[in-house]
Every structure is written in C-alpha cells, then in structure tokens.
C-alpha cells in the first residue's frame, strides 16, 4: 500500500503548480474540502461504471470500475448530485481535526456514467488512505473528458473551457477595481454564477461558448466606455440591483456609508448564520467574487464578513 501511495502522489504531484506542503494542488480535479464535525467525519458515495469509458490517454476503463466521491456536509447529501464528479483515483486523510483537509484525486467521471450507492459517513482517517486507484496517468488524472467506448451508450458532453477561463480572467481584473459599482457589479455577480455553472459536469460547448462571447463583449464595452453594462450611470445603488437572482450567494448592495465592496475568495468557503452554524449547502468556490457590507463580525471568537441576510463567510477565506 505504501508503494501505491508513493506512485499516486508522485503522479499527482506532477500536476501541482505550487505545493510547498504535501498534497496541496491547484487543479480543478483536485478538491479542497472544509471538514464537518470539527474535521472528524466525511461522507463517501461509491459507485461503478455503467459501461466502458475511454479517457484522454486512450485507456479504457471497463464497466464495473469502482469510483467514489466525497463531501463534508453536516447532513447526508442528496443521493443524486449531477454537478459533482466521481473520481477514478481518490486519496484522503492524514490531517484529522484540521479545519481545511487537503484531499487529492483525479479522473472526473460524470454521475450519468455511474451506478451509485447511498452515501455513508466515516471517521476521517488519521493516515493517507487510498479510496480508489484506477489510474496514475497524467492526462486522465487531470481530465473530465471521458466518453463511452460504445457510441450507442449515452454520452455526457465535456466542454473546452480554455477560452472561457481567459475571458473570465479579464473580467476578474475589472472586478478588482473599486470604481466598478452598481449595475456593473451586479453584472459581474451574474457572470460569476454562470461561470461556476459552466464549469460543472455536463455543461455543453454551446453554452460555454455563448457565455464566453457575452463576457468578452462586456469586457470590450468596458474598455470602450468604462462600463460593462451599456448606459450604466455607475451609481452605487442601482435601481435594478434588488432584482438580482435570489438564488445567488450575493446580496443587494448596502448603502454607500456601509462601504460595501467586492472581494475574491482565496479558497472555497462555507456560509454561516449569525449564530455561527454552517449552512449545509454547496461551497462558494475558490476564485468567486462576493459582495460584503464592509464590516467585520465576531462570532464564537472568529471573524466573519456579512454577505446577505443572516449569511456570513469567514474573513480568513477572503483574499487580501
């Protein structure tokens, strides 16, 4: 087993752009999990491939290949979570009790390809533990581009995100400017929500390309007029700001005196209530932008920012 662990970490380490400590990686197919129950428990869901899949390397993973996915919710997750991938290789453990657990895995498999079981909760292992190990191939570990060998089986699209990533990077540079307020801020929030959705499993190339064009058009408009939204008066309290998507993690801008501002998450973040209870919903993703009201709040000895009605995020998760 120790030899297998060395192989896995040596292979996945090749994917890391910067990893001063063991098992810290920067790829989307490597998930960072904020632990529940003070870092002592984790939810696992195993499954098997419905039919043979071919990866980018050309390797075929036969029907029945065992896969797994992991979540750290306080309560049992829904049985079906189409946006959350299963993994061909996943290693967890080694830092019990830590608020931030660095688990590594690769080879993202869409839920539609998997016959999955119910979730079950385990004690987080005190040593690195291999849950599944089906590949050590660099190309397959970093990818979600897996398709049926038999074309008669249903296929899950895998969009190329390179152009979208470039467009969104341009948008984030604009988002960092304090002069971007009002309707322009709301536009960025909406783009961020759609960007995160486009990166989920099963997004079509058509939807990704459409979003990429919209972002590029908005950025071009900003460079030309100073605004992302045509005709924006750039007022800090836009009249249509209250009509933003109620399902979003962002909130209606506060009054000017509250010094509300737009911040970037340096790591994935949970949302909390004013009593410090974590909301058992999907993490706000690393790199996302959220609006805070400019004040800090002390809850159970920790510092938070308010992002909405009875919703807070940890200050330590916000980029300085």
Protein backbone atom coordinates (compact mmCIF):
# COMPACT_ATOMS: atom_id res chain seq x y z
CA UNK A 1 0.00 0.00 0.00
CA UNK A 2 2.82 2.43 0.84
CA UNK A 3 4.34 1.84 -2.59
CA UNK A 4 0.98 2.58 -4.21
CA UNK A 5 0.66 5.81 -2.23
CA UNK A 6 4.08 6.95 -3.42
CA UNK A 7 3.08 6.27 -7.03
CA UNK A 8 -0.16 8.23 -6.67
CA UNK A 9 1.43 11.23 -5.01
CA UNK A 10 4.39 11.25 -7.39
CA UNK A 11 1.99 11.27 -10.34
CA UNK A 12 -0.50 13.80 -9.00
CA UNK A 13 2.34 15.99 -7.69
CA UNK A 14 3.34 16.49 -11.31
CA UNK A 15 0.03 18.32 -11.73
CA UNK A 16 0.79 20.82 -8.98
CA UNK A 17 1.83 24.35 -9.86
CA UNK A 18 2.85 25.21 -6.32
CA UNK A 19 2.75 22.83 -3.39
CA UNK A 20 5.08 23.67 -0.50
CA UNK A 21 3.25 21.18 1.72
CA UNK A 22 2.21 17.65 0.84
CA UNK A 23 -0.98 17.09 -1.10
CA UNK A 24 -1.89 20.70 -1.90
CA UNK A 25 -2.84 21.16 -5.55
CA UNK A 26 -4.24 23.82 -7.82
CA UNK A 27 -6.20 21.82 -10.41
CA UNK A 28 -9.97 21.79 -10.64
CA UNK A 29 -9.96 18.00 -10.49
CA UNK A 30 -8.34 18.14 -7.05
CA UNK A 31 -10.89 19.09 -4.46
CA UNK A 32 -10.27 21.03 -1.27
CA UNK A 33 -12.74 20.04 1.42
CA UNK A 34 -13.69 22.03 4.51
CA UNK A 35 -14.43 19.44 7.14
CA UNK A 36 -17.63 18.89 9.07
CA UNK A 37 -17.87 17.83 12.72
CA UNK A 38 -14.56 19.54 13.57
CA UNK A 39 -12.81 17.56 10.85
CA UNK A 40 -13.63 14.09 12.18
CA UNK A 41 -16.25 12.87 9.67
CA UNK A 42 -16.68 12.71 5.91
CA UNK A 43 -19.41 11.48 3.55
CA UNK A 44 -18.48 8.98 0.82
CA UNK A 45 -20.54 7.69 -2.09
CA UNK A 46 -19.22 4.75 -4.09
CA UNK A 47 -20.38 3.57 -7.47
CA UNK A 48 -19.36 1.57 -10.53
CA UNK A 49 -19.19 2.49 -14.20
CA UNK A 50 -22.33 1.53 -16.13
CA UNK A 51 -20.31 0.85 -19.27
CA UNK A 52 -16.75 1.11 -20.56
CA UNK A 53 -15.30 4.63 -20.87
CA UNK A 54 -12.25 5.84 -22.75
CA UNK A 55 -10.06 8.58 -21.28
CA UNK A 56 -7.87 11.20 -22.98
CA UNK A 57 -4.89 8.83 -22.70
CA UNK A 58 -6.72 6.26 -24.81
CA UNK A 59 -7.03 3.89 -21.88
CA UNK A 60 -10.36 2.10 -21.47
CA UNK A 61 -11.96 1.80 -18.03
CA UNK A 62 -14.31 -1.21 -18.15
CA UNK A 63 -17.87 -1.42 -16.91
CA UNK A 64 -17.87 -2.15 -13.19
CA UNK A 65 -14.82 0.00 -12.43
CA UNK A 66 -15.21 1.33 -8.88
CA UNK A 67 -15.35 5.12 -8.38
CA UNK A 68 -16.08 7.38 -5.41
CA UNK A 69 -16.93 10.96 -4.49
CA UNK A 70 -16.66 12.81 -1.19
CA UNK A 71 -18.50 15.62 0.60
CA UNK A 72 -18.23 17.18 4.05
CA UNK A 73 -21.83 18.25 4.69
CA UNK A 74 -23.16 18.16 8.22
CA UNK A 75 -26.21 16.26 6.96
CA UNK A 76 -26.43 13.44 4.45
CA UNK A 77 -26.17 14.85 0.89
CA UNK A 78 -28.79 14.20 -1.81
CA UNK A 79 -28.28 10.82 -3.47
CA UNK A 80 -28.08 12.45 -6.89
CA UNK A 81 -25.75 15.42 -7.44
CA UNK A 82 -25.20 15.74 -11.20
CA UNK A 83 -22.75 18.65 -10.86
CA UNK A 84 -20.42 16.73 -8.53
CA UNK A 85 -17.98 14.29 -10.17
CA UNK A 86 -16.93 10.83 -9.10
CA UNK A 87 -13.19 10.09 -9.14
CA UNK A 88 -11.18 7.28 -10.68
CA UNK A 89 -8.46 7.88 -8.09
CA UNK A 90 -9.02 9.48 -4.69
CA UNK A 91 -6.80 9.67 -1.61
CA UNK A 92 -7.95 11.21 1.67
CA UNK A 93 -6.75 11.56 5.24
CA UNK A 94 -3.66 12.45 7.16
CA UNK A 95 -4.76 15.69 8.83
CA UNK A 96 -7.53 14.76 11.27
CA UNK A 97 -9.17 17.62 13.13
CA UNK A 98 -7.89 20.26 10.72
CA UNK A 99 -10.36 22.90 9.51
CA UNK A 100 -9.02 22.52 5.97
CA UNK A 101 -8.43 19.00 4.69
CA UNK A 102 -6.37 18.59 1.54
CA UNK A 103 -7.67 15.52 -0.28
CA UNK A 104 -6.36 14.65 -3.71
CA UNK A 105 -7.93 12.89 -6.63
CA UNK A 106 -8.22 12.79 -10.37
CA UNK A 107 -10.15 11.47 -13.30
CA UNK A 108 -13.55 13.16 -13.00
CA UNK A 109 -16.44 10.91 -14.01
CA UNK A 110 -19.94 12.28 -14.64
CA UNK A 111 -22.72 10.94 -12.43
CA UNK A 112 -24.66 9.82 -15.52
CA UNK A 113 -21.95 7.20 -16.17
CA UNK A 114 -22.21 5.69 -12.69
CA UNK A 115 -24.44 3.21 -10.88
CA UNK A 116 -24.12 4.78 -7.45
CA UNK A 117 -24.89 3.63 -3.93
CA UNK A 118 -26.20 5.59 -0.95
CA UNK A 119 -23.93 7.98 0.94
CA UNK A 120 -22.31 6.72 4.11
CA UNK A 121 -20.36 8.61 6.75
CA UNK A 122 -16.95 7.53 8.03
CA UNK A 123 -14.41 8.78 10.53
CA UNK A 124 -11.84 10.84 8.68
CA UNK A 125 -8.70 8.63 8.52
CA UNK A 126 -5.65 9.68 10.50
CA UNK A 127 -3.33 8.48 7.74
CA UNK A 128 -3.46 8.92 3.98
CA UNK A 129 -5.92 6.34 2.69
CA UNK A 130 -6.48 5.24 -0.91
CA UNK A 131 -10.23 5.01 -1.54
CA UNK A 132 -9.95 4.09 -5.22
CA UNK A 133 -6.95 3.81 -7.52
CA UNK A 134 -7.77 3.19 -11.16
CA UNK A 135 -5.23 5.38 -12.90
CA UNK A 136 -1.86 7.02 -12.49
CA UNK A 137 -1.89 8.53 -15.99
CA UNK A 138 -1.26 12.28 -16.00
CA UNK A 139 -3.71 13.02 -18.82
CA UNK A 140 -6.55 11.04 -17.27
CA UNK A 141 -5.96 12.34 -13.73
CA UNK A 142 -6.33 15.97 -14.77
CA UNK A 143 -9.34 15.42 -17.04
CA UNK A 144 -13.10 15.01 -17.08
CA UNK A 145 -13.13 14.16 -20.81
CA UNK A 146 -14.34 10.55 -20.65
CA UNK A 147 -16.72 9.05 -23.20
CA UNK A 148 -18.41 5.68 -23.87
CA UNK A 149 -16.47 3.17 -25.94
CA UNK A 150 -19.79 2.02 -27.41
CA UNK A 151 -21.31 5.05 -29.14
CA UNK A 152 -24.80 3.64 -28.61
CA UNK A 153 -24.49 4.47 -24.89
CA UNK A 154 -25.49 7.97 -23.69
CA UNK A 155 -22.65 10.49 -23.80
CA UNK A 156 -22.02 13.36 -21.39
CA UNK A 157 -20.59 16.48 -23.08
CA UNK A 158 -17.23 17.80 -21.95
CA UNK A 159 -16.70 21.41 -22.96
CA UNK A 160 -13.36 23.04 -23.66
CA UNK A 161 -13.08 25.84 -21.09
CA UNK A 162 -9.82 27.47 -22.22
CA UNK A 163 -11.43 30.47 -23.93
CA UNK A 164 -13.89 30.91 -21.05
CA UNK A 165 -11.07 30.90 -18.50
CA UNK A 166 -9.25 33.63 -20.44
CA UNK A 167 -12.42 35.73 -20.71
CA UNK A 168 -13.22 35.32 -17.01
CA UNK A 169 -9.65 36.27 -16.08
CA UNK A 170 -10.16 39.56 -17.96
CA UNK A 171 -13.42 40.06 -16.07
CA UNK A 172 -11.82 39.47 -12.67
CA UNK A 173 -9.21 42.14 -13.38
CA UNK A 174 -12.05 44.60 -13.93
CA UNK A 175 -13.88 43.33 -10.83
CA UNK A 176 -10.92 44.29 -8.66
CA UNK A 177 -11.37 47.99 -9.45
CA UNK A 178 -13.14 49.98 -6.74
CA UNK A 179 -14.76 52.17 -9.40
CA UNK A 180 -16.84 49.24 -10.67
CA UNK A 181 -20.18 49.61 -8.86
CA UNK A 182 -23.93 49.45 -9.38
CA UNK A 183 -25.15 47.60 -12.44
CA UNK A 184 -21.60 46.68 -13.41
CA UNK A 185 -21.13 44.90 -10.08
CA UNK A 186 -24.38 43.03 -10.50
CA UNK A 187 -23.31 42.02 -14.00
CA UNK A 188 -20.12 40.52 -12.57
CA UNK A 189 -22.10 38.59 -9.95
CA UNK A 190 -24.32 37.09 -12.62
CA UNK A 191 -21.36 36.23 -14.82
CA UNK A 192 -19.65 34.54 -11.86
CA UNK A 193 -22.70 32.39 -11.13
CA UNK A 194 -22.90 31.33 -14.77
CA UNK A 195 -19.14 30.76 -14.94
CA UNK A 196 -19.34 28.35 -12.00
CA UNK A 197 -22.28 26.56 -13.62
CA UNK A 198 -20.37 26.26 -16.90
CA UNK A 199 -17.52 24.50 -15.10
CA UNK A 200 -19.84 21.86 -13.64
CA UNK A 201 -20.11 18.37 -15.13
CA UNK A 202 -22.18 18.12 -18.30
CA UNK A 203 -22.02 21.73 -19.50
CA UNK A 204 -22.36 21.90 -23.29
CA UNK A 205 -19.82 23.55 -25.56
CA UNK A 206 -22.60 25.74 -26.96
CA UNK A 207 -23.46 27.15 -23.52
CA UNK A 208 -19.79 27.70 -22.67
CA UNK A 209 -19.11 29.47 -25.97
CA UNK A 210 -22.19 31.65 -25.52
CA UNK A 211 -21.08 32.73 -22.05
CA UNK A 212 -17.54 33.35 -23.29
CA UNK A 213 -18.85 35.67 -26.00
CA UNK A 214 -21.06 37.57 -23.55
CA UNK A 215 -18.15 38.12 -21.16
CA UNK A 216 -15.82 39.20 -23.97
CA UNK A 217 -18.47 41.62 -25.27
CA UNK A 218 -18.94 43.10 -21.79
CA UNK A 219 -15.17 43.48 -21.30
CA UNK A 220 -14.87 45.14 -24.71
CA UNK A 221 -17.67 47.53 -23.76
CA UNK A 222 -15.86 48.35 -20.51
CA UNK A 223 -12.65 49.15 -22.36
CA UNK A 224 -14.59 51.41 -24.71
CA UNK A 225 -16.99 53.15 -22.32
CA UNK A 226 -15.77 52.38 -18.80
CA UNK A 227 -18.86 50.24 -18.11
CA UNK A 228 -19.72 46.58 -18.54
CA UNK A 229 -23.40 47.46 -18.96
CA UNK A 230 -24.35 49.87 -21.73
CA UNK A 231 -26.00 53.02 -20.39
CA UNK A 232 -24.88 52.36 -16.80
CA UNK A 233 -24.90 55.58 -14.76
CA UNK A 234 -22.42 53.88 -12.40
CA UNK A 235 -24.45 54.80 -9.35
CA UNK A 236 -23.61 52.81 -6.27
CA UNK A 237 -27.25 51.94 -5.60
CA UNK A 238 -28.61 50.87 -8.98
CA UNK A 239 -32.39 50.71 -9.10
CA UNK A 240 -32.35 47.22 -10.59
CA UNK A 241 -29.90 45.74 -8.12
CA UNK A 242 -32.71 44.35 -6.00
CA UNK A 243 -33.79 42.22 -8.93
CA UNK A 244 -30.69 40.04 -8.90
CA UNK A 245 -31.11 36.27 -8.78
CA UNK A 246 -32.40 35.32 -5.34
CA UNK A 247 -30.58 32.00 -5.62
CA UNK A 248 -27.23 33.74 -5.86
CA UNK A 249 -24.80 33.94 -2.99
CA UNK A 250 -24.57 37.72 -3.44
CA UNK A 251 -26.88 40.32 -1.92
CA UNK A 252 -28.42 43.69 -2.72
CA UNK A 253 -25.80 46.44 -2.29
CA UNK A 254 -25.82 48.16 1.07
CA UNK A 255 -25.99 51.92 1.43
CA UNK A 256 -22.89 53.86 0.46
CA UNK A 257 -21.94 54.60 4.07
CA UNK A 258 -21.63 50.88 4.77
CA UNK A 259 -18.62 50.71 2.41
CA UNK A 260 -19.82 47.54 0.73
CA UNK A 261 -17.25 46.06 -1.57
CA UNK A 262 -16.50 43.16 -3.82
CA UNK A 263 -14.00 40.55 -2.56
CA UNK A 264 -12.44 37.43 -4.03
CA UNK A 265 -12.37 34.10 -2.19
CA UNK A 266 -8.85 32.74 -1.89
CA UNK A 267 -10.24 29.31 -1.05
CA UNK A 268 -13.58 27.53 -1.04
CA UNK A 269 -15.88 28.87 1.65
CA UNK A 270 -18.98 27.78 3.52
CA UNK A 271 -21.74 30.18 4.51
CA UNK A 272 -22.72 30.60 8.16
CA UNK A 273 -25.63 32.02 10.16
CA UNK A 274 -25.28 34.79 12.76
CA UNK A 275 -25.01 32.05 15.39
CA UNK A 276 -22.00 30.50 13.67
CA UNK A 277 -23.91 27.49 12.33
CA UNK A 278 -22.67 26.40 8.95
CA UNK A 279 -25.27 26.29 6.20
CA UNK A 280 -25.21 22.82 4.65
CA UNK A 281 -25.12 23.95 1.07
CA UNK A 282 -22.53 23.76 -1.66
CA UNK A 283 -19.28 25.61 -1.02
CA UNK A 284 -18.72 29.02 -2.59
CA UNK A 285 -15.93 28.20 -5.00
CA UNK A 286 -12.35 29.41 -4.77
CA UNK A 287 -11.89 32.46 -7.00
CA UNK A 288 -15.54 33.50 -6.78
CA UNK A 289 -16.42 37.13 -6.09
CA UNK A 290 -18.92 38.02 -3.38
CA UNK A 291 -20.18 41.31 -2.00
CA UNK A 292 -19.65 42.11 1.68
CA UNK A 293 -21.09 45.04 3.60
CA UNK A 294 -17.66 46.25 4.70
CA UNK A 295 -18.00 45.39 8.38
CA UNK A 296 -16.45 42.54 10.34
CA UNK A 297 -18.37 40.45 12.87
CA UNK A 298 -17.10 38.33 15.74
CA UNK A 299 -18.98 35.06 16.03
CA UNK A 300 -17.79 32.45 18.51
CA UNK A 301 -14.35 34.02 18.60
CA UNK A 302 -13.90 34.07 14.82
CA UNK A 303 -14.09 36.95 12.36
CA UNK A 304 -16.71 36.99 9.59
CA UNK A 305 -17.98 39.21 6.78
CA UNK A 306 -21.71 39.55 6.12
CA UNK A 307 -22.77 38.68 2.57
CA UNK A 308 -26.55 38.62 2.92
CA UNK A 309 -29.47 38.26 5.30
CA UNK A 310 -28.20 36.00 8.10
CA UNK A 311 -25.37 34.78 5.88
CA UNK A 312 -21.68 35.21 6.68
CA UNK A 313 -18.33 33.98 5.40
CA UNK A 314 -15.04 33.56 7.28
CA UNK A 315 -12.67 36.50 6.87
CA UNK A 316 -9.71 34.14 6.51
CA UNK A 317 -11.22 32.82 3.27
CA UNK A 318 -11.09 36.25 1.62
CA UNK A 319 -8.08 37.32 -0.43
CA UNK A 320 -6.27 40.35 0.98
